[in-house]
């Protein structure tokens, strides 16, 4: 009975979370968009349509690399995502990003694969 109750609770949580995410997407008016990201020695610049944002490396909450993407967290639960599949030179670009992030991000905020 306990396992069944735990499974039901997990399912309810998943459905509720999915519903909230879909609701936020509908309110934002964006179901898909093109994000342009420029990273240099000074920080990160992101452009989505007419919206632009610029952030210095010191203001990133953390940087995480997974098998498929780099996540640049600008808040605890908000990140810019850099999908590796969309990089022109995947291996080279990933290596350069790791090198740059290792040089400019505090070690406690950084979790890279390579």
PDB file of N, CA and C in Angstrom:
ATOM      1  N   UNK A   1       0.825  -1.193   0.000  1.00  0.00           N
ATOM      2  CA  UNK A   1       0.000   0.000   0.000  1.00  0.00           C
ATOM      3  C   UNK A   1       0.868   1.256   0.000  1.00  0.00           C
ATOM      4  N   UNK A   2       1.986   1.232   0.750  1.00  0.00           N
ATOM      5  CA  UNK A   2       2.865   2.401   0.816  1.00  0.00           C
ATOM      6  C   UNK A   2       3.493   2.692  -0.545  1.00  0.00           C
ATOM      7  N   UNK A   3       3.906   1.644  -1.258  1.00  0.00           N
ATOM      8  CA  UNK A   3       4.513   1.811  -2.582  1.00  0.00           C
ATOM      9  C   UNK A   3       3.489   2.402  -3.544  1.00  0.00           C
ATOM     10  N   UNK A   4       2.273   1.907  -3.491  1.00  0.00           N
ATOM     11  CA  UNK A   4       1.202   2.396  -4.353  1.00  0.00           C
ATOM     12  C   UNK A   4       0.896   3.864  -4.054  1.00  0.00           C
ATOM     13  N   UNK A   5       0.865   4.228  -2.792  1.00  0.00           N
ATOM     14  CA  UNK A   5       0.624   5.612  -2.388  1.00  0.00           C
ATOM     15  C   UNK A   5       1.753   6.520  -2.864  1.00  0.00           C
ATOM     16  N   UNK A   6       2.995   6.071  -2.723  1.00  0.00           N
ATOM     17  CA  UNK A   6       4.141   6.861  -3.173  1.00  0.00           C
ATOM     18  C   UNK A   6       4.110   7.039  -4.686  1.00  0.00           C
ATOM     19  N   UNK A   7       3.777   5.994  -5.418  1.00  0.00           N
ATOM     20  CA  UNK A   7       3.692   6.079  -6.873  1.00  0.00           C
ATOM     21  C   UNK A   7       2.590   7.046  -7.300  1.00  0.00           C
ATOM     22  N   UNK A   8       1.454   6.998  -6.615  1.00  0.00           N
ATOM     23  CA  UNK A   8       0.348   7.911  -6.927  1.00  0.00           C
ATOM     24  C   UNK A   8       0.746   9.362  -6.645  1.00  0.00           C
ATOM     25  N   UNK A   9       1.452   9.580  -5.552  1.00  0.00           N
ATOM     26  CA  UNK A   9       1.903  10.932  -5.214  1.00  0.00           C
ATOM     27  C   UNK A   9       2.907  11.449  -6.248  1.00  0.00           C
ATOM     28  N   UNK A  10       3.819  10.601  -6.687  1.00  0.00           N
ATOM     29  CA  UNK A  10       4.795  10.999  -7.698  1.00  0.00           C
ATOM     30  C   UNK A  10       4.112  11.324  -9.018  1.00  0.00           C
ATOM     31  N   UNK A  11       3.141  10.534  -9.396  1.00  0.00           N
ATOM     32  CA  UNK A  11       2.389  10.779 -10.623  1.00  0.00           C
ATOM     33  C   UNK A  11       1.628  12.098 -10.532  1.00  0.00           C
ATOM     34  N   UNK A  12       0.995  12.348  -9.410  1.00  0.00           N
ATOM     35  CA  UNK A  12       0.259  13.595  -9.218  1.00  0.00           C
ATOM     36  C   UNK A  12       1.188  14.801  -9.304  1.00  0.00           C
ATOM     37  N   UNK A  13       2.375  14.702  -8.713  1.00  0.00           N
ATOM     38  CA  UNK A  13       3.357  15.777  -8.767  1.00  0.00           C
ATOM     39  C   UNK A  13       3.817  16.024 -10.200  1.00  0.00           C
ATOM     40  N   UNK A  14       4.063  14.959 -10.946  1.00  0.00           N
ATOM     41  CA  UNK A  14       4.505  15.090 -12.339  1.00  0.00           C
ATOM     42  C   UNK A  14       3.431  15.757 -13.185  1.00  0.00           C
ATOM     43  N   UNK A  15       2.188  15.364 -13.024  1.00  0.00           N
ATOM     44  CA  UNK A  15       1.086  15.946 -13.796  1.00  0.00           C
ATOM     45  C   UNK A  15       0.911  17.421 -13.438  1.00  0.00           C
ATOM     46  N   UNK A  16       0.972  17.748 -12.167  1.00  0.00           N
ATOM     47  CA  UNK A  16       0.842  19.136 -11.725  1.00  0.00           C
ATOM     48  C   UNK A  16       1.970  20.000 -12.285  1.00  0.00           C
ATOM     49  N   UNK A  17       3.195  19.515 -12.239  1.00  0.00           N
ATOM     50  CA  UNK A  17       4.344  20.260 -12.756  1.00  0.00           C
ATOM     51  C   UNK A  17       4.216  20.480 -14.250  1.00  0.00           C
ATOM     52  N   UNK A  18       3.851  19.447 -14.988  1.00  0.00           N
ATOM     53  CA  UNK A  18       3.664  19.570 -16.433  1.00  0.00           C
ATOM     54  C   UNK A  18       2.595  20.600 -16.758  1.00  0.00           C
ATOM     55  N   UNK A  19       1.514  20.591 -16.020  1.00  0.00           N
ATOM     56  CA  UNK A  19       0.434  21.549 -16.226  1.00  0.00           C
ATOM     57  C   UNK A  19       0.913  22.976 -15.984  1.00  0.00           C
ATOM     58  N   UNK A  20       1.685  23.194 -14.936  1.00  0.00           N
ATOM     59  CA  UNK A  20       2.212  24.530 -14.635  1.00  0.00           C
ATOM     60  C   UNK A  20       3.158  25.014 -15.726  1.00  0.00           C
ATOM     61  N   UNK A  21       4.021  24.146 -16.211  1.00  0.00           N
ATOM     62  CA  UNK A  21       4.967  24.516 -17.261  1.00  0.00           C
ATOM     63  C   UNK A  21       4.212  24.902 -18.532  1.00  0.00           C
ATOM     64  N   UNK A  22       3.252  24.104 -18.932  1.00  0.00           N
ATOM     65  CA  UNK A  22       2.456  24.417 -20.131  1.00  0.00           C
ATOM     66  C   UNK A  22       1.725  25.741 -19.965  1.00  0.00           C
ATOM     67  N   UNK A  23       1.206  25.996 -18.792  1.00  0.00           N
ATOM     68  CA  UNK A  23       0.498  27.248 -18.528  1.00  0.00           C
ATOM     69  C   UNK A  23       1.444  28.442 -18.670  1.00  0.00           C
ATOM     70  N   UNK A  24       2.653  28.327 -18.143  1.00  0.00           N
ATOM     71  CA  UNK A  24       3.627  29.413 -18.250  1.00  0.00           C
ATOM     72  C   UNK A  24       4.038  29.645 -19.700  1.00  0.00           C
ATOM     73  N   UNK A  25       4.182  28.586 -20.469  1.00  0.00           N
ATOM     74  CA  UNK A  25       4.537  28.721 -21.887  1.00  0.00           C
ATOM     75  C   UNK A  25       3.425  29.449 -22.629  1.00  0.00           C
ATOM     76  N   UNK A  26       2.181  29.087 -22.374  1.00  0.00           N
ATOM     77  CA  UNK A  26       1.045  29.756 -23.024  1.00  0.00           C
ATOM     78  C   UNK A  26       0.987  31.230 -22.656  1.00  0.00           C
ATOM     79  N   UNK A  27       1.208  31.559 -21.387  1.00  0.00           N
ATOM     80  CA  UNK A  27       1.174  32.961 -20.946  1.00  0.00           C
ATOM     81  C   UNK A  27       2.287  33.776 -21.582  1.00  0.00           C
ATOM     82  N   UNK A  28       3.447  33.169 -21.780  1.00  0.00           N
ATOM     83  CA  UNK A  28       4.572  33.904 -22.359  1.00  0.00           C
ATOM     84  C   UNK A  28       4.375  34.155 -23.847  1.00  0.00           C
ATOM     85  N   UNK A  29       3.504  33.381 -24.471  1.00  0.00           N
ATOM     86  CA  UNK A  29       3.247  33.570 -25.893  1.00  0.00           C
ATOM     87  C   UNK A  29       4.295  32.957 -26.791  1.00  0.00           C
ATOM     88  N   UNK A  30       5.213  32.215 -26.221  1.00  0.00           N
ATOM     89  CA  UNK A  30       6.278  31.609 -27.009  1.00  0.00           C
ATOM     90  C   UNK A  30       6.262  30.100 -26.828  1.00  0.00           C
ATOM     91  N   UNK A  31       6.025  29.398 -27.901  1.00  0.00           N
ATOM     92  CA  UNK A  31       6.130  27.947 -27.830  1.00  0.00           C
ATOM     93  C   UNK A  31       7.459  27.501 -28.427  1.00  0.00           C
ATOM     94  N   UNK A  32       7.998  28.317 -29.318  1.00  0.00           N
ATOM     95  CA  UNK A  32       9.341  28.073 -29.853  1.00  0.00           C
ATOM     96  C   UNK A  32       9.955  29.420 -30.203  1.00  0.00           C
ATOM     97  N   UNK A  33      11.270  29.500 -30.201  1.00  0.00           N
ATOM     98  CA  UNK A  33      11.946  30.753 -30.495  1.00  0.00           C
ATOM     99  C   UNK A  33      13.388  30.465 -30.889  1.00  0.00           C
ATOM    100  N   UNK A  34      14.022  31.463 -31.476  1.00  0.00           N
ATOM    101  CA  UNK A  34      15.429  31.369 -31.845  1.00  0.00           C
ATOM    102  C   UNK A  34      16.214  32.201 -30.841  1.00  0.00           C
ATOM    103  N   UNK A  35      17.183  31.581 -30.234  1.00  0.00           N
ATOM    104  CA  UNK A  35      18.027  32.258 -29.255  1.00  0.00           C
ATOM    105  C   UNK A  35      19.435  32.366 -29.832  1.00  0.00           C
ATOM    106  N   UNK A  36      19.956  33.565 -29.923  1.00  0.00           N
ATOM    107  CA  UNK A  36      21.333  33.774 -30.356  1.00  0.00           C
ATOM    108  C   UNK A  36      22.178  34.052 -29.123  1.00  0.00           C
ATOM    109  N   UNK A  37      23.257  33.318 -28.980  1.00  0.00           N
ATOM    110  CA  UNK A  37      24.114  33.457 -27.807  1.00  0.00           C
ATOM    111  C   UNK A  37      25.526  33.786 -28.242  1.00  0.00           C
ATOM    112  N   UNK A  38      26.094  34.823 -27.641  1.00  0.00           N
ATOM    113  CA  UNK A  38      27.482  35.203 -27.908  1.00  0.00           C
ATOM    114  C   UNK A  38      28.234  35.171 -26.583  1.00  0.00           C
ATOM    115  N   UNK A  39      29.329  34.412 -26.561  1.00  0.00           N
ATOM    116  CA  UNK A  39      30.135  34.292 -25.344  1.00  0.00           C
ATOM    117  C   UNK A  39      31.543  34.732 -25.678  1.00  0.00           C
ATOM    118  N   UNK A  40      32.055  35.682 -24.897  1.00  0.00           N
ATOM    119  CA  UNK A  40      33.437  36.134 -25.083  1.00  0.00           C
ATOM    120  C   UNK A  40      34.059  36.328 -23.713  1.00  0.00           C
ATOM    121  N   UNK A  41      35.207  36.906 -23.659  1.00  0.00           N
ATOM    122  CA  UNK A  41      35.921  37.079 -22.398  1.00  0.00           C
ATOM    123  C   UNK A  41      35.229  37.993 -21.404  1.00  0.00           C
ATOM    124  N   UNK A  42      34.231  38.755 -21.849  1.00  0.00           N
ATOM    125  CA  UNK A  42      33.547  39.706 -20.978  1.00  0.00           C
ATOM    126  C   UNK A  42      32.260  39.163 -20.376  1.00  0.00           C
ATOM    127  N   UNK A  43      31.685  38.118 -20.984  1.00  0.00           N
ATOM    128  CA  UNK A  43      30.446  37.560 -20.464  1.00  0.00           C
ATOM    129  C   UNK A  43      29.604  36.935 -21.549  1.00  0.00           C
ATOM    130  N   UNK A  44      28.298  36.892 -21.294  1.00  0.00           N
ATOM    131  CA  UNK A  44      27.351  36.224 -22.187  1.00  0.00           C
ATOM    132  C   UNK A  44      26.316  37.248 -22.651  1.00  0.00           C
ATOM    133  N   UNK A  45      26.052  37.249 -23.948  1.00  0.00           N
ATOM    134  CA  UNK A  45      24.992  38.081 -24.520  1.00  0.00           C
ATOM    135  C   UNK A  45      24.000  37.158 -25.209  1.00  0.00           C
ATOM    136  N   UNK A  46      22.717  37.326 -24.889  1.00  0.00           N
ATOM    137  CA  UNK A  46      21.669  36.492 -25.480  1.00  0.00           C
ATOM    138  C   UNK A  46      20.629  37.401 -26.120  1.00  0.00           C
ATOM    139  N   UNK A  47      20.236  37.043 -27.345  1.00  0.00           N
ATOM    140  CA  UNK A  47      19.195  37.771 -28.057  1.00  0.00           C
ATOM    141  C   UNK A  47      18.099  36.792 -28.458  1.00  0.00           C
ATOM    142  N   UNK A  48      16.869  37.144 -28.121  1.00  0.00           N
ATOM    143  CA  UNK A  48      15.693  36.371 -28.523  1.00  0.00           C
ATOM    144  C   UNK A  48      14.713  37.383 -29.118  1.00  0.00           C
ATOM    145  N   UNK A  49      14.562  37.355 -30.439  1.00  0.00           N
ATOM    146  CA  UNK A  49      13.711  38.343 -31.095  1.00  0.00           C
ATOM    147  C   UNK A  49      14.272  39.731 -30.851  1.00  0.00           C
ATOM    148  N   UNK A  50      13.447  40.623 -30.303  1.00  0.00           N
ATOM    149  CA  UNK A  50      13.889  41.993 -29.995  1.00  0.00           C
ATOM    150  C   UNK A  50      14.454  42.123 -28.587  1.00  0.00           C
ATOM    151  N   UNK A  51      14.324  41.060 -27.785  1.00  0.00           N
ATOM    152  CA  UNK A  51      14.813  41.084 -26.404  1.00  0.00           C
ATOM    153  C   UNK A  51      16.294  40.738 -26.359  1.00  0.00           C
ATOM    154  N   UNK A  52      17.026  41.510 -25.560  1.00  0.00           N
ATOM    155  CA  UNK A  52      18.460  41.264 -25.400  1.00  0.00           C
ATOM    156  C   UNK A  52      18.814  41.244 -23.919  1.00  0.00           C
ATOM    157  N   UNK A  53      19.770  40.410 -23.586  1.00  0.00           N
ATOM    158  CA  UNK A  53      20.267  40.356 -22.208  1.00  0.00           C
ATOM    159  C   UNK A  53      21.775  40.211 -22.247  1.00  0.00           C
ATOM    160  N   UNK A  54      22.430  40.793 -21.266  1.00  0.00           N
ATOM    161  CA  UNK A  54      23.884  40.724 -21.162  1.00  0.00           C
ATOM    162  C   UNK A  54      24.217  40.448 -19.708  1.00  0.00           C
ATOM    163  N   UNK A  55      25.130  39.502 -19.499  1.00  0.00           N
ATOM    164  CA  UNK A  55      25.466  39.118 -18.136  1.00  0.00           C
ATOM    165  C   UNK A  55      26.949  38.797 -18.043  1.00  0.00           C
ATOM    166  N   UNK A  56      27.616  39.385 -17.063  1.00  0.00           N
ATOM    167  CA  UNK A  56      29.019  39.062 -16.811  1.00  0.00           C
ATOM    168  C   UNK A  56      29.141  37.698 -16.159  1.00  0.00           C
ATOM    169  N   UNK A  57      30.270  37.067 -16.342  1.00  0.00           N
ATOM    170  CA  UNK A  57      30.470  35.728 -15.773  1.00  0.00           C
ATOM    171  C   UNK A  57      30.314  35.717 -14.256  1.00  0.00           C
ATOM    172  N   UNK A  58      30.683  36.809 -13.608  1.00  0.00           N
ATOM    173  CA  UNK A  58      30.595  36.872 -12.150  1.00  0.00           C
ATOM    174  C   UNK A  58      29.156  36.819 -11.645  1.00  0.00           C
ATOM    175  N   UNK A  59      28.187  37.104 -12.517  1.00  0.00           N
ATOM    176  CA  UNK A  59      26.780  37.103 -12.113  1.00  0.00           C
ATOM    177  C   UNK A  59      26.073  35.785 -12.411  1.00  0.00           C
ATOM    178  N   UNK A  60      26.749  34.834 -13.068  1.00  0.00           N
ATOM    179  CA  UNK A  60      26.157  33.514 -13.289  1.00  0.00           C
ATOM    180  C   UNK A  60      26.102  32.763 -11.960  1.00  0.00           C
ATOM    181  N   UNK A  61      24.977  32.130 -11.691  1.00  0.00           N
ATOM    182  CA  UNK A  61      24.801  31.375 -10.449  1.00  0.00           C
ATOM    183  C   UNK A  61      25.632  30.102 -10.499  1.00  0.00           C
ATOM    184  N   UNK A  62      25.597  29.409 -11.651  1.00  0.00           N
ATOM    185  CA  UNK A  62      26.424  28.221 -11.861  1.00  0.00           C
ATOM    186  C   UNK A  62      26.402  27.850 -13.337  1.00  0.00           C
ATOM    187  N   UNK A  63      27.343  26.999 -13.723  1.00  0.00           N
ATOM    188  CA  UNK A  63      27.432  26.487 -15.095  1.00  0.00           C
ATOM    189  C   UNK A  63      27.552  24.967 -14.994  1.00  0.00           C
ATOM    190  N   UNK A  64      26.668  24.270 -15.711  1.00  0.00           N
ATOM    191  CA  UNK A  64      26.676  22.807 -15.709  1.00  0.00           C
ATOM    192  C   UNK A  64      26.729  22.300 -17.144  1.00  0.00           C
ATOM    193  N   UNK A  65      27.477  21.233 -17.349  1.00  0.00           N
ATOM    194  CA  UNK A  65      27.533  20.587 -18.651  1.00  0.00           C
ATOM    195  C   UNK A  65      26.957  19.187 -18.517  1.00  0.00           C
ATOM    196  N   UNK A  66      26.075  18.845 -19.447  1.00  0.00           N
ATOM    197  CA  UNK A  66      25.546  17.491 -19.526  1.00  0.00           C
ATOM    198  C   UNK A  66      25.998  16.895 -20.858  1.00  0.00           C
ATOM    199  N   UNK A  67      25.573  15.708 -21.118  1.00  0.00           N
ATOM    200  CA  UNK A  67      25.937  15.042 -22.370  1.00  0.00           C
ATOM    201  C   UNK A  67      25.432  15.827 -23.582  1.00  0.00           C
ATOM    202  N   UNK A  68      24.307  16.516 -23.418  1.00  0.00           N
ATOM    203  CA  UNK A  68      23.665  17.180 -24.553  1.00  0.00           C
ATOM    204  C   UNK A  68      23.754  18.698 -24.586  1.00  0.00           C
ATOM    205  N   UNK A  69      24.116  19.342 -23.459  1.00  0.00           N
ATOM    206  CA  UNK A  69      24.061  20.805 -23.437  1.00  0.00           C
ATOM    207  C   UNK A  69      24.897  21.395 -22.309  1.00  0.00           C
ATOM    208  N   UNK A  70      25.132  22.697 -22.435  1.00  0.00           N
ATOM    209  CA  UNK A  70      25.674  23.508 -21.349  1.00  0.00           C
ATOM    210  C   UNK A  70      24.506  24.312 -20.797  1.00  0.00           C
ATOM    211  N   UNK A  71      24.414  24.417 -19.477  1.00  0.00           N
ATOM    212  CA  UNK A  71      23.362  25.197 -18.827  1.00  0.00           C
ATOM    213  C   UNK A  71      24.043  26.336 -18.079  1.00  0.00           C
ATOM    214  N   UNK A  72      23.698  27.568 -18.459  1.00  0.00           N
ATOM    215  CA  UNK A  72      24.238  28.753 -17.805  1.00  0.00           C
ATOM    216  C   UNK A  72      23.134  29.320 -16.926  1.00  0.00           C
ATOM    217  N   UNK A  73      23.210  29.065 -15.635  1.00  0.00           N
ATOM    218  CA  UNK A  73      22.158  29.466 -14.714  1.00  0.00           C
ATOM    219  C   UNK A  73      22.274  30.944 -14.374  1.00  0.00           C
ATOM    220  N   UNK A  74      21.213  31.683 -14.701  1.00  0.00           N
ATOM    221  CA  UNK A  74      21.165  33.111 -14.388  1.00  0.00           C
ATOM    222  C   UNK A  74      20.384  33.353 -13.096  1.00  0.00           C
ATOM    223  N   UNK A  75      19.692  32.326 -12.618  1.00  0.00           N
ATOM    224  CA  UNK A  75      18.992  32.317 -11.328  1.00  0.00           C
ATOM    225  C   UNK A  75      18.937  30.857 -10.888  1.00  0.00           C
ATOM    226  N   UNK A  76      18.480  30.621  -9.699  1.00  0.00           N
ATOM    227  CA  UNK A  76      18.477  29.252  -9.170  1.00  0.00           C
ATOM    228  C   UNK A  76      17.703  28.272 -10.055  1.00  0.00           C
ATOM    229  N   UNK A  77      16.592  28.730 -10.642  1.00  0.00           N
ATOM    230  CA  UNK A  77      15.757  27.847 -11.461  1.00  0.00           C
ATOM    231  C   UNK A  77      15.560  28.382 -12.873  1.00  0.00           C
ATOM    232  N   UNK A  78      16.523  29.158 -13.370  1.00  0.00           N
ATOM    233  CA  UNK A  78      16.415  29.716 -14.710  1.00  0.00           C
ATOM    234  C   UNK A  78      17.798  29.682 -15.364  1.00  0.00           C
ATOM    235  N   UNK A  79      17.836  29.106 -16.568  1.00  0.00           N
ATOM    236  CA  UNK A  79      19.131  28.961 -17.238  1.00  0.00           C
ATOM    237  C   UNK A  79      19.007  29.211 -18.732  1.00  0.00           C
ATOM    238  N   UNK A  80      20.092  29.686 -19.315  1.00  0.00           N
ATOM    239  CA  UNK A  80      20.225  29.719 -20.761  1.00  0.00           C
ATOM    240  C   UNK A  80      20.808  28.369 -21.149  1.00  0.00           C
ATOM    241  N   UNK A  81      20.258  27.752 -22.166  1.00  0.00           N
ATOM    242  CA  UNK A  81      20.681  26.418 -22.579  1.00  0.00           C
ATOM    243  C   UNK A  81      21.430  26.517 -23.898  1.00  0.00           C
ATOM    244  N   UNK A  82      22.601  25.910 -23.958  1.00  0.00           N
ATOM    245  CA  UNK A  82      23.406  25.857 -25.174  1.00  0.00           C
ATOM    246  C   UNK A  82      23.458  24.408 -25.645  1.00  0.00           C
ATOM    247  N   UNK A  83      22.548  23.995 -26.544  1.00  0.00           N
ATOM    248  CA  UNK A  83      22.525  22.608 -27.014  1.00  0.00           C
ATOM    249  C   UNK A  83      23.764  22.281 -27.850  1.00  0.00           C
ATOM    250  N   UNK A  84      24.431  21.212 -27.509  1.00  0.00           N
ATOM    251  CA  UNK A  84      25.631  20.813 -28.244  1.00  0.00           C
ATOM    252  C   UNK A  84      25.303  20.410 -29.678  1.00  0.00           C
ATOM    253  N   UNK A  85      24.134  19.846 -29.909  1.00  0.00           N
ATOM    254  CA  UNK A  85      23.749  19.401 -31.251  1.00  0.00           C
ATOM    255  C   UNK A  85      23.639  20.575 -32.227  1.00  0.00           C
ATOM    256  N   UNK A  86      23.487  21.790 -31.729  1.00  0.00           N
ATOM    257  CA  UNK A  86      23.352  22.953 -32.593  1.00  0.00           C
ATOM    258  C   UNK A  86      24.664  23.692 -32.817  1.00  0.00           C
ATOM    259  N   UNK A  87      25.746  23.189 -32.264  1.00  0.00           N
ATOM    260  CA  UNK A  87      27.055  23.821 -32.447  1.00  0.00           C
ATOM    261  C   UNK A  87      27.647  23.401 -33.780  1.00  0.00           C
ATOM    262  N   UNK A  88      28.301  24.349 -34.465  1.00  0.00           N
ATOM    263  CA  UNK A  88      28.888  24.061 -35.773  1.00  0.00           C
ATOM    264  C   UNK A  88      30.008  23.033 -35.673  1.00  0.00           C
ATOM    265  N   UNK A  89      30.927  23.239 -34.743  1.00  0.00           N
ATOM    266  CA  UNK A  89      32.050  22.328 -34.511  1.00  0.00           C
ATOM    267  C   UNK A  89      31.909  21.822 -33.079  1.00  0.00           C
ATOM    268  N   UNK A  90      31.095  20.806 -32.897  1.00  0.00           N
ATOM    269  CA  UNK A  90      30.709  20.357 -31.556  1.00  0.00           C
ATOM    270  C   UNK A  90      31.911  20.120 -30.645  1.00  0.00           C
ATOM    271  N   UNK A  91      32.853  19.310 -31.069  1.00  0.00           N
ATOM    272  CA  UNK A  91      34.007  18.989 -30.216  1.00  0.00           C
ATOM    273  C   UNK A  91      34.856  20.229 -29.932  1.00  0.00           C
ATOM    274  N   UNK A  92      35.140  21.001 -30.966  1.00  0.00           N
ATOM    275  CA  UNK A  92      35.971  22.200 -30.800  1.00  0.00           C
ATOM    276  C   UNK A  92      35.291  23.259 -29.964  1.00  0.00           C
ATOM    277  N   UNK A  93      34.001  23.511 -30.242  1.00  0.00           N
ATOM    278  CA  UNK A  93      33.263  24.517 -29.483  1.00  0.00           C
ATOM    279  C   UNK A  93      33.133  24.124 -28.015  1.00  0.00           C
ATOM    280  N   UNK A  94      32.858  22.854 -27.755  1.00  0.00           N
ATOM    281  CA  UNK A  94      32.748  22.385 -26.367  1.00  0.00           C
ATOM    282  C   UNK A  94      34.081  22.546 -25.633  1.00  0.00           C
ATOM    283  N   UNK A  95      35.165  22.202 -26.294  1.00  0.00           N
ATOM    284  CA  UNK A  95      36.490  22.337 -25.678  1.00  0.00           C
ATOM    285  C   UNK A  95      36.801  23.799 -25.361  1.00  0.00           C
ATOM    286  N   UNK A  96      36.475  24.707 -26.297  1.00  0.00           N
ATOM    287  CA  UNK A  96      36.720  26.133 -26.060  1.00  0.00           C
ATOM    288  C   UNK A  96      35.843  26.671 -24.927  1.00  0.00           C
ATOM    289  N   UNK A  97      34.588  26.235 -24.873  1.00  0.00           N
ATOM    290  CA  UNK A  97      33.717  26.671 -23.779  1.00  0.00           C
ATOM    291  C   UNK A  97      34.225  26.174 -22.431  1.00  0.00           C
ATOM    292  N   UNK A  98      34.644  24.906 -22.369  1.00  0.00           N
ATOM    293  CA  UNK A  98      35.194  24.370 -21.112  1.00  0.00           C
ATOM    294  C   UNK A  98      36.412  25.178 -20.661  1.00  0.00           C
ATOM    295  N   UNK A  99      37.283  25.491 -21.622  1.00  0.00           N
ATOM    296  CA  UNK A  99      38.494  26.256 -21.301  1.00  0.00           C
ATOM    297  C   UNK A  99      38.138  27.648 -20.785  1.00  0.00           C
ATOM    298  N   UNK A 100      37.224  28.324 -21.461  1.00  0.00           N
ATOM    299  CA  UNK A 100      36.816  29.662 -21.041  1.00  0.00           C
ATOM    300  C   UNK A 100      36.139  29.633 -19.683  1.00  0.00           C
ATOM    301  N   UNK A 101      35.170  28.734 -19.504  1.00  0.00           N
ATOM    302  CA  UNK A 101      34.459  28.653 -18.228  1.00  0.00           C
ATOM    303  C   UNK A 101      35.407  28.303 -17.084  1.00  0.00           C
ATOM    304  N   UNK A 102      36.362  27.425 -17.325  1.00  0.00           N
ATOM    305  CA  UNK A 102      37.327  27.053 -16.280  1.00  0.00           C
ATOM    306  C   UNK A 102      38.168  28.248 -15.862  1.00  0.00           C
ATOM    307  N   UNK A 103      38.421  29.156 -16.796  1.00  0.00           N
ATOM    308  CA  UNK A 103      39.253  30.325 -16.509  1.00  0.00           C
ATOM    309  C   UNK A 103      38.481  31.437 -15.789  1.00  0.00           C
ATOM    310  N   UNK A 104      37.155  31.554 -16.040  1.00  0.00           N
ATOM    311  CA  UNK A 104      36.428  32.725 -15.541  1.00  0.00           C
ATOM    312  C   UNK A 104      35.349  32.427 -14.499  1.00  0.00           C
ATOM    313  N   UNK A 105      35.006  31.175 -14.283  1.00  0.00           N
ATOM    314  CA  UNK A 105      33.952  30.818 -13.322  1.00  0.00           C
ATOM    315  C   UNK A 105      34.586  30.160 -12.098  1.00  0.00           C
ATOM    316  N   UNK A 106      34.106  30.531 -10.910  1.00  0.00           N
ATOM    317  CA  UNK A 106      34.611  29.922  -9.676  1.00  0.00           C
ATOM    318  C   UNK A 106      34.389  28.411  -9.719  1.00  0.00           C
ATOM    319  N   UNK A 107      35.333  27.646  -9.197  1.00  0.00           N
ATOM    320  CA  UNK A 107      35.247  26.185  -9.250  1.00  0.00           C
ATOM    321  C   UNK A 107      33.996  25.640  -8.570  1.00  0.00           C
ATOM    322  N   UNK A 108      33.534  26.274  -7.515  1.00  0.00           N
ATOM    323  CA  UNK A 108      32.341  25.818  -6.813  1.00  0.00           C
ATOM    324  C   UNK A 108      31.062  25.983  -7.617  1.00  0.00           C
ATOM    325  N   UNK A 109      31.088  26.831  -8.629  1.00  0.00           N
ATOM    326  CA  UNK A 109      29.922  27.086  -9.472  1.00  0.00           C
ATOM    327  C   UNK A 109      29.985  26.302 -10.782  1.00  0.00           C
ATOM    328  N   UNK A 110      31.006  25.506 -10.954  1.00  0.00           N
ATOM    329  CA  UNK A 110      31.294  24.896 -12.254  1.00  0.00           C
ATOM    330  C   UNK A 110      31.268  23.387 -12.184  1.00  0.00           C
ATOM    331  N   UNK A 111      30.550  22.761 -13.135  1.00  0.00           N
ATOM    332  CA  UNK A 111      30.551  21.300 -13.242  1.00  0.00           C
ATOM    333  C   UNK A 111      30.573  20.949 -14.725  1.00  0.00           C
ATOM    334  N   UNK A 112      31.768  20.577 -15.210  1.00  0.00           N
ATOM    335  CA  UNK A 112      31.957  20.274 -16.620  1.00  0.00           C
ATOM    336  C   UNK A 112      32.276  18.808 -16.818  1.00  0.00           C
ATOM    337  N   UNK A 113      32.008  18.300 -18.012  1.00  0.00           N
ATOM    338  CA  UNK A 113      32.242  16.891 -18.351  1.00  0.00           C
ATOM    339  C   UNK A 113      33.702  16.610 -18.665  1.00  0.00           C
ATOM    340  N   UNK A 114      34.290  17.468 -19.482  1.00  0.00           N
ATOM    341  CA  UNK A 114      35.629  17.179 -20.005  1.00  0.00           C
ATOM    342  C   UNK A 114      36.678  17.482 -19.036  1.00  0.00           C
TER     343      UNK A 114
END
